[in-house]
Protein backbone atom coordinates (compact mmCIF):
# COMPACT_ATOMS: atom_id res chain seq x y z
CA MET A 1 -13.93 13.08 1.57
CA SER A 2 -12.53 10.22 -0.49
CA VAL A 3 -10.10 7.65 0.83
CA ARG A 4 -6.97 6.44 -0.98
CA ILE A 5 -4.65 3.48 -0.51
CA ARG A 6 -1.15 4.74 -1.27
CA LEU A 7 2.52 4.64 -0.29
CA LYS A 8 4.03 6.68 2.55
CA ARG A 9 7.82 7.10 2.53
CA VAL A 10 9.57 6.26 5.80
CA GLY A 11 13.10 5.33 4.71
CA ALA A 12 16.31 7.26 5.23
CA LYS A 13 18.10 9.20 2.52
CA ASN A 14 19.25 6.85 -0.28
CA SER A 15 17.55 3.94 1.49
CA PRO A 16 13.87 4.04 0.52
CA ALA A 17 11.21 2.15 2.44
CA TYR A 18 7.48 2.66 2.18
CA ARG A 19 4.34 1.83 4.11
CA VAL A 20 1.08 1.05 2.35
CA VAL A 21 -1.48 3.21 4.13
CA VAL A 22 -5.14 4.14 3.92
CA THR A 23 -5.44 7.92 4.05
CA HIS A 24 -7.58 10.86 3.00
CA SER A 25 -6.98 11.81 -0.62
CA LYS A 26 -6.28 15.49 0.13
CA GLY A 27 -3.68 14.82 2.84
CA PRO A 28 0.10 15.09 2.32
CA ARG A 29 2.10 12.03 1.23
CA ASP A 30 3.82 11.56 4.60
CA GLY A 31 1.04 12.96 6.79
CA LYS A 32 -1.57 11.35 9.02
CA PHE A 33 -3.16 8.11 7.91
CA ILE A 34 -6.16 6.02 8.90
CA GLU A 35 -4.54 2.58 8.86
CA GLU A 36 -1.28 0.94 7.82
CA ILE A 37 -1.94 -2.22 5.81
CA GLY A 38 1.47 -3.16 4.45
CA THR A 39 5.07 -2.35 3.56
CA TYR A 40 7.21 -2.02 0.44
CA GLN A 41 11.01 -2.21 0.52
CA PRO A 42 12.44 -1.77 -2.99
CA ILE A 43 16.05 -2.44 -1.91
CA LYS A 44 15.37 -6.06 -0.87
CA LYS A 45 16.01 -8.82 -3.40
CA GLU A 46 12.94 -10.93 -2.52
CA ASN A 47 9.65 -10.29 -0.73
CA LYS A 48 9.74 -6.60 -1.55
CA PHE A 49 6.17 -5.97 -0.52
CA ALA A 50 3.77 -7.34 2.07
CA ILE A 51 0.11 -6.28 2.16
CA ASN A 52 -2.61 -7.50 4.51
CA GLN A 53 -5.04 -8.73 1.83
CA GLU A 54 -8.05 -8.87 4.17
CA ARG A 55 -7.71 -5.22 5.19
CA ALA A 56 -7.06 -4.14 1.60
CA ASP A 57 -10.22 -5.93 0.45
CA TYR A 58 -12.16 -4.34 3.32
CA TRP A 59 -11.09 -0.82 2.36
CA LEU A 60 -11.70 -1.46 -1.34
CA SER A 61 -15.22 -2.65 -0.50
CA LYS A 62 -15.76 0.61 1.42
CA GLY A 63 -14.83 2.64 -1.69
CA ALA A 64 -11.13 3.37 -1.20
CA GLN A 65 -9.25 4.04 -4.42
CA PRO A 66 -5.72 2.56 -4.71
CA SER A 67 -2.91 4.52 -6.34
CA GLU A 68 -1.51 3.07 -9.58
CA THR A 69 1.46 1.55 -7.78
CA VAL A 70 -0.59 -0.04 -5.01
CA ALA A 71 -3.14 -1.30 -7.55
CA SER A 72 -0.36 -3.12 -9.43
CA TYR A 73 0.86 -4.72 -6.17
CA LEU A 74 -2.68 -5.83 -5.30
CA ARG A 75 -3.08 -7.41 -8.77
CA ARG A 76 0.25 -9.21 -8.32
CA LEU A 77 -0.80 -10.50 -4.88
CA LYS A 78 -4.07 -11.86 -6.26
CA ARG A 79 -2.18 -13.59 -9.08
CA VAL A 80 0.24 -15.20 -6.61
CA ALA A 81 -2.60 -16.22 -4.27
CA GLY A 82 -4.54 -17.74 -7.17
CA ALA A 83 -1.53 -19.82 -8.22
CA ALA A 84 -0.98 -21.18 -4.70
C-alpha cells in the first residue's frame, strides 16, 4: 500500500485549519493517519504553514508521495531555508 503526505481538515465551519499528515493513499481525507508532520492555517496573515522538514524528508526517502498542495509547500520551505 502506498503512503501519501496530504492535508487533513480539522477546522470548524467557515474557519478552515489543516494538518499535514502521512497516511495510506486509499484512506479517507479525515481518517486515520500514520504521523502528523505539520499544520496549515489559511486564515492567518503570516506563518500560514509549519512543516517538520526532517520528518517530511524521512517519509519522502521512504517513498511517500506528497499531494500537489503539500509538494508546493515543501518547495517553498526549501527555498526559504536555502535563502537563510
